Amino acid sequence: MTQNSTIDVLISGAGAAGLTLAIELARRGISFRLIEKLNDPFRGSRGKGIQPRTQEVFEDMGILDRIVALGGAYPKQREYRNDGSFIDSDAMVREEATPAEPYHLPLMVPQFLTERVMRERLIELGHRPEFGCELIGFEQDEAGVTAQLNSQSGDETIRVRWLVGADGGRSVVRHALDIGFPGKTLGVRAIVADVALTGLDRDAWHRFGEGDMQRQLALCPLAGTDLFQIQGPIPLEGEIDLSAAGLTALVRERTGRENVDVQSVSWASAYTMNARLSDRYRLGRIFLVGDAAHTHPPTGGQGLNTSVQDAYNLGWKLAAVVAGAPDQLLDSYEEERRPIAAAMLGLATKLLDALKRGDVRRGREVHQLDIGYPESSVALEKPERRCGLLAGDRAPDAALAGAAGQPRRLFDMFRGAHWTLLCYEVDQTVVPPRKGLHIHRVGRSGDLLDESGHFRSVYALTPGDHVLVRPDGYIGAIVASGAASALEAYFAKVGLAA
């Protein structure tokens, strides 16, 4: 059956990246379809670490509290010596939260639980993924993309304005576009399995044979479940028995514990680690997000987080262009996100080398709070700033008070699909109101009062300065009082023209 229809965006792949993009489009009223060739949702724990920056993203999307309620903190890591004794330590370097950075520790949430919450949020917004629906072909022209789909209902042809490949490391979209995926195989093959087992306590992340790639094995209790995740290197060649009996034998051999019994296997995979980066993130009206654009070792818990933030970056830009912003805004997606993925691949590979030496402790480098886009074509400073907070940086949170006396946070002001203009110590802003822009005056006689001084110390502004915060929580522009007129040209670039 052939059906011709026109929607704005077709998203191929309903994992974390595809779901993030769908939520971002849904809350902006953009028409889309989210398809997934699998008949059922992914049921593995694979991307179980939710980094602090992604927690901020999830707060904006309205799902953070639900995800925290399902997951938990990382347990202490328990490293066993050859004689059976052990030492406990923190897997994560612990730092205190601050008003500017309210989340400072990664959460552990199995990926299937994270994606379940995201699907529930999408349903609240009036949409749901179409499982068992596969993209089997497409052609693009200057006006849009014609896509062929196959599902249990038969074949279908649809017309869309944009196609987004969120379809994983073996991306059909990337292959069909013949976009290069250079990189290297890292010489490590590993298993990951979600299992029910007996013989180990759930109060620690049990690690055996650290630094020995022949014997290394980690068994981590999965927060929010009764399962353990088993991870460990395996020979580069040969079949691996991933049944309960096979995994029991492997665990007993490497741990020396005959009382450990894998009773059932919920999900298991054997995979070879690669570090690869797509040559392009955009080709005409087609985009790549998540694992379709980059693949990497799991060390450091960067993959799911980078994928979510790819889609978070692209979502508001697609919506803006659908609503009339210049097409060039979409070029900033690759411009901003591809260098981030390149840096993430380098970090994950470095952490893999550390893991081979038995070093598993992680600190701020994995939190993704320092990611920014200072070289972006949509970063504006008038005049240019030499230090402190810059255009392109993540916009910090701050504790404020409303003029009515109630405590407020900057993140409360940012939450939603809009832009936010913060006008510091001004009697009256020179920027007229417009759809999609929330304007707040901070300081004396403003609607937001900086009684604690948190805003002043973190943003380091001069009276009269204007800070424009993008929908994804990064600073788009910082302009001084005498240059506020420069904002009008900027607004035209991003779809906020009066």
Protein backbone atom coordinates (compact mmCIF):
# COMPACT_ATOMS: atom_id res chain seq x y z
CA MET A 1 0.00 0.00 0.00
CA THR A 2 1.29 3.44 -0.89
CA GLN A 3 0.27 6.47 1.08
CA ASN A 4 1.45 9.97 0.27
CA SER A 5 1.52 12.43 3.13
CA THR A 6 3.64 15.34 4.18
CA ILE A 7 5.07 15.69 7.66
CA ASP A 8 7.99 17.75 8.86
CA VAL A 9 10.42 15.13 10.18
CA LEU A 10 10.88 11.37 9.90
CA ILE A 11 13.06 9.91 12.68
CA SER A 12 14.47 6.46 11.96
CA GLY A 13 15.40 4.78 15.24
CA ALA A 14 13.61 4.98 18.59
CA GLY A 15 16.53 4.66 20.99
CA ALA A 16 17.64 7.42 23.33
CA ALA A 17 18.65 9.81 20.52
CA GLY A 18 15.48 9.29 18.50
CA LEU A 19 13.27 9.63 21.57
CA THR A 20 15.02 12.84 22.64
CA LEU A 21 14.51 14.37 19.22
CA ALA A 22 10.87 13.27 19.18
CA ILE A 23 10.21 14.86 22.58
CA GLU A 24 11.89 18.10 21.50
CA LEU A 25 9.79 18.27 18.33
CA ALA A 26 6.61 17.25 20.12
CA ARG A 27 6.81 19.98 22.71
CA ARG A 28 7.27 22.52 19.92
CA GLY A 29 4.30 21.29 17.90
CA ILE A 30 6.35 19.99 14.96
CA SER A 31 4.83 17.10 13.00
CA PHE A 32 6.95 13.93 12.85
CA ARG A 33 6.96 10.16 12.79
CA LEU A 34 9.29 8.09 14.97
CA ILE A 35 9.87 4.61 13.54
CA GLU A 36 11.83 1.63 14.89
CA LYS A 37 12.51 -1.54 12.92
CA LEU A 38 12.60 -3.70 16.08
CA ASN A 39 9.25 -5.08 17.14
CA ASP A 40 9.79 -4.20 20.80
CA PRO A 41 11.79 -1.66 22.83
CA PHE A 42 15.46 -2.31 23.54
CA ARG A 43 15.71 -4.28 26.79
CA GLY A 44 19.39 -4.03 27.74
CA SER A 45 21.19 -1.92 30.33
CA ARG A 46 23.96 -0.85 27.94
CA GLY A 47 24.11 2.94 28.51
CA LYS A 48 23.52 2.98 32.26
CA GLY A 49 25.33 6.19 33.27
CA ILE A 50 23.45 9.50 33.19
CA GLN A 51 26.01 12.29 33.44
CA PRO A 52 25.33 15.61 35.21
CA ARG A 53 24.88 17.61 31.99
CA THR A 54 22.34 15.08 30.72
CA GLN A 55 20.54 15.33 34.05
CA GLU A 56 20.13 19.04 33.30
CA VAL A 57 18.75 18.16 29.86
CA PHE A 58 16.31 15.69 31.42
CA GLU A 59 15.21 18.32 33.94
CA ASP A 60 14.32 20.62 31.05
CA MET A 61 12.45 17.79 29.31
CA GLY A 62 10.41 17.15 32.48
CA ILE A 63 11.65 13.63 33.20
CA LEU A 64 14.57 13.94 35.63
CA ASP A 65 12.64 13.21 38.83
CA ARG A 66 11.11 10.08 37.28
CA ILE A 67 14.50 8.83 36.14
CA VAL A 68 16.11 9.47 39.52
CA ALA A 69 13.23 7.61 41.20
CA LEU A 70 13.90 4.56 39.01
CA GLY A 71 17.69 4.57 39.30
CA GLY A 72 20.23 5.36 41.95
CA ALA A 73 23.78 6.34 42.78
CA TYR A 74 26.73 4.26 41.68
CA PRO A 75 27.76 1.80 44.42
CA LYS A 76 31.26 1.62 45.78
CA GLN A 77 33.63 -0.44 43.66
CA ARG A 78 35.00 -3.50 45.43
CA GLU A 79 38.33 -4.60 43.96
CA TYR A 80 39.31 -8.13 44.86
CA ARG A 81 42.90 -9.18 45.27
CA ASN A 82 44.23 -12.60 44.27
CA ASP A 83 44.13 -13.81 47.89
CA GLY A 84 40.38 -13.08 48.12
CA SER A 85 40.70 -9.90 50.17
CA PHE A 86 39.31 -6.67 48.77
CA ILE A 87 39.34 -2.91 49.04
CA ASP A 88 36.34 -0.60 48.60
CA SER A 89 36.59 2.82 46.95
CA ASP A 90 34.41 5.36 45.18
CA ALA A 91 34.08 4.80 41.46
CA MET A 92 33.40 8.51 41.02
CA VAL A 93 35.35 11.45 42.40
CA ARG A 94 32.81 13.08 44.71
CA GLU A 95 32.22 16.81 44.45
CA GLU A 96 29.60 18.91 46.13
CA ALA A 97 26.83 20.42 44.07
CA THR A 98 26.86 24.21 43.71
CA PRO A 99 24.19 26.75 42.77
CA ALA A 100 25.79 26.97 39.32
CA GLU A 101 26.06 23.19 38.89
CA PRO A 102 23.22 21.52 40.79
CA TYR A 103 24.06 17.97 39.63
CA HIS A 104 27.53 16.66 40.28
CA LEU A 105 27.38 12.88 40.30
CA PRO A 106 26.43 10.46 37.52
CA LEU A 107 23.24 8.47 38.03
CA MET A 108 23.00 4.77 37.33
CA VAL A 109 19.87 3.98 35.34
CA PRO A 110 19.75 0.98 32.99
CA GLN A 111 19.13 2.18 29.45
CA PHE A 112 15.86 0.27 29.08
CA LEU A 113 14.43 2.16 32.09
CA THR A 114 15.64 5.54 30.78
CA GLU A 115 14.05 4.88 27.41
CA ARG A 116 10.83 3.71 29.06
CA VAL A 117 10.50 7.05 30.86
CA MET A 118 11.20 8.87 27.60
CA ARG A 119 8.49 6.90 25.79
CA GLU A 120 6.04 7.74 28.58
CA ARG A 121 6.90 11.43 28.26
CA LEU A 122 6.38 11.24 24.51
CA ILE A 123 2.94 9.68 25.03
CA GLU A 124 2.04 12.56 27.35
CA LEU A 125 2.88 14.87 24.45
CA GLY A 126 0.55 12.95 22.16
CA HIS A 127 2.97 10.71 20.25
CA ARG A 128 4.47 7.23 20.40
CA PRO A 129 7.10 5.23 18.50
CA GLU A 130 6.00 2.95 15.67
CA PHE A 131 7.69 -0.40 16.38
CA GLY A 132 8.12 -2.95 13.62
CA CYS A 133 8.36 -0.17 11.02
CA GLU A 134 11.54 -0.06 8.94
CA LEU A 135 13.03 2.53 6.62
CA ILE A 136 13.87 0.57 3.44
CA GLY A 137 14.76 3.39 1.06
CA PHE A 138 14.67 7.12 0.49
CA GLU A 139 15.46 9.84 -2.03
CA GLN A 140 15.92 13.52 -1.36
CA ASP A 141 15.52 16.62 -3.48
CA GLU A 142 15.65 20.33 -2.79
CA ALA A 143 12.18 20.37 -1.24
CA GLY A 144 12.19 17.24 0.91
CA VAL A 145 12.68 13.49 1.23
CA THR A 146 10.57 10.66 -0.16
CA ALA A 147 10.89 7.65 2.15
CA GLN A 148 9.80 4.04 1.71
CA LEU A 149 8.69 2.23 4.86
CA ASN A 150 7.81 -1.37 5.57
CA SER A 151 5.71 -2.58 8.47
CA GLN A 152 3.22 -5.32 9.25
CA SER A 153 0.66 -3.23 7.41
CA GLY A 154 2.74 -3.44 4.22
CA ASP A 155 4.79 -0.96 2.23
CA GLU A 156 4.25 2.76 2.50
CA THR A 157 5.71 5.82 0.80
CA ILE A 158 5.70 9.12 2.63
CA ARG A 159 6.92 12.62 1.92
CA VAL A 160 8.79 14.53 4.65
CA ARG A 161 10.74 17.75 4.86
CA TRP A 162 13.62 16.22 6.85
CA LEU A 163 14.96 12.74 7.61
CA VAL A 164 17.02 12.01 10.73
CA GLY A 165 19.01 8.78 11.04
CA ALA A 166 19.05 7.77 14.71
CA ASP A 167 19.53 4.15 13.70
CA GLY A 168 22.72 3.15 15.49
CA GLY A 169 26.27 2.21 14.59
CA ARG A 170 25.23 0.19 11.54
CA SER A 171 23.07 3.09 10.35
CA VAL A 172 21.09 2.32 7.21
CA VAL A 173 20.75 6.06 6.62
CA ARG A 174 24.51 6.67 6.79
CA HIS A 175 25.28 3.72 4.52
CA ALA A 176 22.67 4.78 1.95
CA LEU A 177 24.19 8.28 1.84
CA ASP A 178 27.67 6.75 1.44
CA ILE A 179 29.03 8.93 4.24
CA GLY A 180 32.42 7.77 5.46
CA PHE A 181 32.80 6.40 8.99
CA PRO A 182 36.56 6.46 9.58
CA GLY A 183 38.24 5.37 12.77
CA LYS A 184 39.77 2.22 14.14
CA THR A 185 39.06 -1.05 15.82
CA LEU A 186 40.55 -0.90 19.31
CA GLY A 187 41.63 -4.51 19.67
CA VAL A 188 39.22 -5.28 22.50
CA ARG A 189 36.24 -7.60 22.38
CA ALA A 190 33.92 -7.74 25.37
CA ILE A 191 30.67 -9.05 26.72
CA VAL A 192 27.91 -7.18 28.49
CA ALA A 193 25.03 -9.11 30.01
CA ASP A 194 22.10 -8.39 32.31
CA VAL A 195 21.57 -11.39 34.57
CA ALA A 196 19.88 -12.62 37.72
CA LEU A 197 22.48 -14.27 39.94
CA THR A 198 23.14 -15.45 43.47
CA GLY A 199 26.35 -15.44 45.47
CA LEU A 200 27.21 -11.72 45.46
CA ASP A 201 25.99 -8.82 47.60
CA ARG A 202 24.24 -5.91 45.92
CA ASP A 203 26.03 -3.24 47.94
CA ALA A 204 29.12 -3.03 45.71
CA TRP A 205 30.35 -3.07 42.13
CA HIS A 206 32.43 -6.25 42.23
CA ARG A 207 35.64 -6.16 40.18
CA PHE A 208 38.04 -9.05 39.66
CA GLY A 209 41.37 -9.27 37.86
CA GLU A 210 41.79 -5.53 37.38
CA GLY A 211 44.60 -4.75 34.94
CA ASP A 212 44.58 -8.29 33.48
CA MET A 213 42.71 -8.34 30.18
CA GLN A 214 42.56 -12.14 30.30
CA ARG A 215 40.85 -12.32 33.70
CA GLN A 216 39.18 -8.97 34.22
CA LEU A 217 35.50 -9.13 35.12
CA ALA A 218 33.05 -6.65 36.64
CA LEU A 219 29.65 -7.44 38.14
CA CYS A 220 27.57 -4.38 38.90
CA PRO A 221 24.15 -4.42 40.62
CA LEU A 222 21.80 -2.51 38.34
CA ALA A 223 19.90 0.21 40.18
CA GLY A 224 16.15 -0.07 39.84
CA THR A 225 16.25 -3.81 39.10
CA ASP A 226 17.12 -7.14 40.69
CA LEU A 227 19.74 -7.73 37.99
CA PHE A 228 23.51 -7.52 37.76
CA GLN A 229 25.37 -6.28 34.70
CA ILE A 230 28.37 -8.45 33.80
CA GLN A 231 31.16 -6.82 31.80
CA GLY A 232 34.52 -8.20 30.76
CA PRO A 233 36.95 -8.67 27.89
CA ILE A 234 36.84 -11.89 25.87
CA PRO A 235 39.10 -13.38 23.16
CA LEU A 236 39.01 -11.60 19.82
CA GLU A 237 37.95 -14.78 18.04
CA GLY A 238 35.63 -17.66 18.82
CA GLU A 239 32.10 -18.27 20.01
CA ILE A 240 31.08 -17.13 23.48
CA ASP A 241 28.40 -18.98 25.40
CA LEU A 242 26.05 -16.27 26.68
CA SER A 243 23.57 -18.68 28.25
CA ALA A 244 23.08 -18.80 32.00
CA ALA A 245 25.26 -21.92 32.20
CA GLY A 246 27.97 -20.38 30.00
CA LEU A 247 28.10 -17.15 31.98
CA THR A 248 28.14 -19.07 35.28
CA ALA A 249 31.21 -20.96 34.07
CA LEU A 250 32.90 -17.73 32.95
CA VAL A 251 32.18 -15.94 36.24
CA ARG A 252 33.39 -18.86 38.35
CA GLU A 253 36.56 -19.23 36.31
CA ARG A 254 37.52 -15.57 36.59
CA THR A 255 36.42 -14.93 40.17
CA GLY A 256 37.33 -18.27 41.71
CA ARG A 257 33.93 -18.31 43.43
CA GLU A 258 32.03 -21.55 43.05
CA ASN A 259 28.98 -20.15 44.86
CA VAL A 260 28.11 -17.62 42.13
CA ASP A 261 25.26 -18.91 40.01
CA VAL A 262 23.76 -17.08 37.01
CA GLN A 263 20.14 -18.12 37.13
CA SER A 264 18.80 -16.32 34.05
CA VAL A 265 19.91 -13.94 31.30
CA SER A 266 17.72 -10.95 30.47
CA TRP A 267 19.96 -9.60 27.70
CA ALA A 268 23.51 -10.28 26.54
CA SER A 269 25.85 -9.14 23.79
CA ALA A 270 29.39 -9.79 22.61
CA TYR A 271 30.91 -6.88 20.72
CA THR A 272 34.17 -5.48 19.37
CA MET A 273 35.10 -1.99 20.51
CA ASN A 274 35.55 0.67 17.85
CA ALA A 275 36.16 4.41 17.78
CA ARG A 276 34.62 5.92 14.63
CA LEU A 277 33.28 9.32 13.61
CA SER A 278 31.07 10.09 10.65
CA ASP A 279 32.59 12.38 8.03
CA ARG A 280 29.40 14.42 7.97
CA TYR A 281 26.39 14.94 10.21
CA ARG A 282 24.27 16.58 7.51
CA LEU A 283 23.77 15.90 3.82
CA GLY A 284 21.07 18.11 2.37
CA ARG A 285 17.84 17.38 4.20
CA ILE A 286 19.17 14.37 6.06
CA PHE A 287 20.92 14.30 9.44
CA LEU A 288 22.71 11.73 11.60
CA VAL A 289 22.44 11.69 15.40
CA GLY A 290 23.79 9.45 18.14
CA ASP A 291 25.55 6.19 17.33
CA ALA A 292 24.77 6.68 13.65
CA ALA A 293 27.28 9.54 13.77
CA HIS A 294 29.83 8.19 16.26
CA THR A 295 30.69 4.88 17.90
CA HIS A 296 33.07 4.41 20.78
CA PRO A 297 34.12 2.20 23.69
CA PRO A 298 31.74 2.33 26.69
CA THR A 299 34.41 3.56 29.10
CA GLY A 300 33.45 6.75 30.89
CA GLY A 301 29.73 6.47 30.21
CA GLN A 302 29.77 8.99 27.35
CA GLY A 303 27.78 7.30 24.59
CA LEU A 304 24.13 7.63 25.53
CA ASN A 305 24.79 11.08 26.97
CA THR A 306 26.44 12.34 23.78
CA SER A 307 23.60 10.88 21.72
CA VAL A 308 20.93 12.58 23.83
CA GLN A 309 22.73 15.89 23.54
CA ASP A 310 23.10 15.53 19.75
CA ALA A 311 19.32 15.29 19.45
CA TYR A 312 18.77 18.04 22.03
CA ASN A 313 20.93 20.34 19.90
CA LEU A 314 19.24 19.44 16.61
CA GLY A 315 15.65 19.48 17.88
CA TRP A 316 15.21 23.19 18.55
CA LYS A 317 17.03 24.08 15.34
CA LEU A 318 14.78 21.90 13.18
CA ALA A 319 11.74 23.39 14.87
CA ALA A 320 13.04 26.91 14.28
CA VAL A 321 13.61 26.30 10.58
CA VAL A 322 10.21 24.66 10.19
CA ALA A 323 8.79 27.84 11.74
CA GLY A 324 10.68 30.08 9.31
CA ALA A 325 14.27 30.52 10.51
CA PRO A 326 16.97 30.46 7.79
CA ASP A 327 18.13 27.01 6.71
CA GLN A 328 21.72 27.96 7.57
CA LEU A 329 20.85 27.53 11.24
CA LEU A 330 20.86 23.77 10.63
CA ASP A 331 24.50 23.87 9.54
CA SER A 332 25.41 24.78 13.11
CA TYR A 333 24.33 21.29 14.25
CA GLU A 334 27.33 19.56 12.66
CA GLU A 335 29.52 22.58 13.34
CA GLU A 336 28.82 22.33 17.08
CA ARG A 337 28.32 18.62 17.74
CA ARG A 338 30.91 16.89 15.57
CA PRO A 339 33.92 18.37 17.46
CA ILE A 340 32.27 17.30 20.72
CA ALA A 341 32.02 13.71 19.47
CA ALA A 342 35.65 13.78 18.33
CA ALA A 343 36.72 14.86 21.82
CA MET A 344 34.45 12.24 23.39
CA LEU A 345 36.03 9.48 21.28
CA GLY A 346 39.47 10.57 22.44
CA LEU A 347 38.35 10.60 26.09
CA ALA A 348 36.65 7.19 25.90
CA THR A 349 39.71 5.68 24.24
CA LYS A 350 42.01 7.19 26.89
CA LEU A 351 39.77 5.81 29.64
CA LEU A 352 39.84 2.38 27.95
CA ASP A 353 43.64 2.43 28.17
CA ALA A 354 43.31 3.35 31.85
CA LEU A 355 40.87 0.48 32.37
CA LYS A 356 43.40 -1.94 30.90
CA ARG A 357 45.78 -0.80 33.65
CA GLY A 358 43.11 -1.30 36.31
CA ASP A 359 42.28 2.41 36.75
CA VAL A 360 38.49 2.78 36.80
CA ARG A 361 38.07 5.96 38.88
CA ARG A 362 36.31 8.79 37.04
CA GLY A 363 36.07 12.53 37.71
CA ARG A 364 34.83 15.75 36.19
CA GLU A 365 36.13 14.87 32.75
CA VAL A 366 33.12 12.59 32.17
CA HIS A 367 30.43 14.94 33.51
CA GLN A 368 30.05 16.90 30.21
CA LEU A 369 29.46 20.14 32.13
CA ASP A 370 32.40 21.83 30.41
CA ILE A 371 31.12 21.19 26.88
CA GLY A 372 30.46 24.38 24.95
CA TYR A 373 30.37 25.94 21.50
CA PRO A 374 32.55 29.07 21.70
CA GLU A 375 33.50 28.84 18.00
CA SER A 376 29.92 28.44 16.83
CA SER A 377 28.53 30.64 14.07
CA VAL A 378 25.59 31.33 16.40
CA ALA A 379 27.76 32.61 19.27
CA LEU A 380 27.81 36.41 19.53
CA GLU A 381 29.74 38.77 21.81
CA LYS A 382 29.62 42.55 21.61
CA PRO A 383 32.28 43.50 22.61
CA GLU A 384 34.45 40.39 22.61
CA ARG A 385 35.01 38.95 26.07
CA ARG A 386 38.46 37.77 27.14
CA CYS A 387 37.63 35.76 30.25
CA GLY A 388 34.82 34.49 32.41
CA LEU A 389 31.59 33.29 30.89
CA LEU A 390 31.58 33.37 27.08
CA ALA A 391 29.02 33.05 24.32
CA GLY A 392 28.75 29.34 23.52
CA ASP A 393 29.28 28.25 27.12
CA ARG A 394 26.75 26.29 29.12
CA ALA A 395 24.50 28.76 30.95
CA PRO A 396 25.01 28.15 34.70
CA ASP A 397 22.17 27.84 37.15
CA ALA A 398 21.88 30.35 40.00
CA ALA A 399 19.74 30.80 43.09
CA LEU A 400 17.59 33.91 42.81
CA ALA A 401 14.45 35.35 44.34
CA GLY A 402 11.38 36.53 42.51
CA ALA A 403 10.19 40.05 43.08
CA ALA A 404 7.21 38.54 44.91
CA GLY A 405 9.61 36.97 47.40
CA GLN A 406 9.62 33.34 46.34
CA PRO A 407 12.91 31.47 45.69
CA ARG A 408 13.61 30.92 42.01
CA ARG A 409 16.32 29.22 39.96
CA LEU A 410 17.66 30.31 36.61
CA PHE A 411 16.93 26.79 35.37
CA ASP A 412 13.26 27.51 36.20
CA MET A 413 13.49 30.44 33.78
CA PHE A 414 15.17 28.36 31.07
CA ARG A 415 12.86 25.34 31.25
CA GLY A 416 10.79 24.99 28.10
CA ALA A 417 11.05 25.46 24.36
CA HIS A 418 11.73 29.23 24.47
CA TRP A 419 14.79 31.47 24.42
CA THR A 420 15.58 33.52 27.55
CA LEU A 421 17.00 37.04 27.64
CA LEU A 422 18.55 38.10 30.96
CA CYS A 423 18.96 41.86 31.26
CA TYR A 424 21.32 42.73 34.11
CA GLU A 425 20.74 45.89 36.13
CA VAL A 426 18.67 47.69 33.49
CA ASP A 427 15.71 49.96 34.16
CA GLN A 428 14.07 49.05 30.87
CA THR A 429 15.17 46.61 28.20
CA VAL A 430 15.61 47.86 24.64
CA VAL A 431 14.44 44.52 23.21
CA PRO A 432 10.71 44.41 22.45
CA PRO A 433 8.74 41.28 23.36
CA ARG A 434 8.26 38.58 20.73
CA LYS A 435 6.97 35.05 20.44
CA GLY A 436 9.41 32.46 21.70
CA LEU A 437 11.45 34.84 23.87
CA HIS A 438 11.11 35.26 27.63
CA ILE A 439 12.67 38.45 28.97
CA HIS A 440 13.75 38.85 32.60
CA ARG A 441 15.41 41.78 34.34
CA VAL A 442 17.89 40.72 37.01
CA GLY A 443 18.83 43.12 39.79
CA ARG A 444 17.38 46.21 41.43
CA SER A 445 13.73 46.79 40.41
CA GLY A 446 13.87 43.65 38.26
CA ASP A 447 11.56 40.66 38.39
CA LEU A 448 14.51 38.51 39.55
CA LEU A 449 16.62 39.56 42.54
CA ASP A 450 20.19 38.37 43.09
CA GLU A 451 20.09 38.55 46.88
CA SER A 452 22.63 35.75 47.35
CA GLY A 453 25.07 37.14 44.78
CA HIS A 454 25.21 33.79 42.95
CA PHE A 455 24.21 35.26 39.61
CA ARG A 456 26.67 38.13 39.86
CA SER A 457 29.60 35.90 40.82
CA VAL A 458 29.02 33.27 38.11
CA TYR A 459 27.94 35.46 35.19
CA ALA A 460 30.34 38.36 35.97
CA LEU A 461 28.31 40.91 34.03
CA THR A 462 28.49 44.68 33.85
CA PRO A 463 25.28 46.65 34.48
CA GLY A 464 23.43 46.95 31.21
CA ASP A 465 24.67 43.64 29.78
CA HIS A 466 22.21 41.31 28.04
CA VAL A 467 22.66 37.52 28.05
CA LEU A 468 20.65 35.50 25.55
CA VAL A 469 20.22 31.81 26.49
CA ARG A 470 19.33 29.29 23.81
CA PRO A 471 16.56 26.70 24.21
CA ASP A 472 19.22 24.05 24.87
CA GLY A 473 20.72 25.94 27.81
CA TYR A 474 23.81 27.40 26.11
CA ILE A 475 24.59 31.09 25.84
CA GLY A 476 23.84 32.39 22.38
CA ALA A 477 24.90 35.99 22.90
CA ILE A 478 26.35 38.41 25.45
CA VAL A 479 26.06 42.07 24.48
CA ALA A 480 26.83 45.25 26.37
CA SER A 481 24.24 47.97 26.85
CA GLY A 482 25.49 50.06 23.97
CA ALA A 483 25.41 47.11 21.54
CA ALA A 484 21.98 45.71 22.30
CA SER A 485 20.84 46.59 18.78
CA ALA A 486 23.12 43.80 17.51
CA LEU A 487 20.64 41.33 18.95
CA GLU A 488 18.11 42.08 16.20
CA ALA A 489 20.41 40.71 13.49
CA TYR A 490 21.09 37.69 15.69
CA PHE A 491 17.37 37.11 16.21
CA ALA A 492 16.85 37.01 12.46
CA LYS A 493 19.44 34.20 12.17
CA VAL A 494 17.69 32.00 14.71
CA GLY A 495 14.05 32.63 13.93
CA LEU A 496 13.23 35.27 16.54
CA ALA A 497 12.78 38.29 14.29
CA ALA A 498 10.14 40.66 15.55
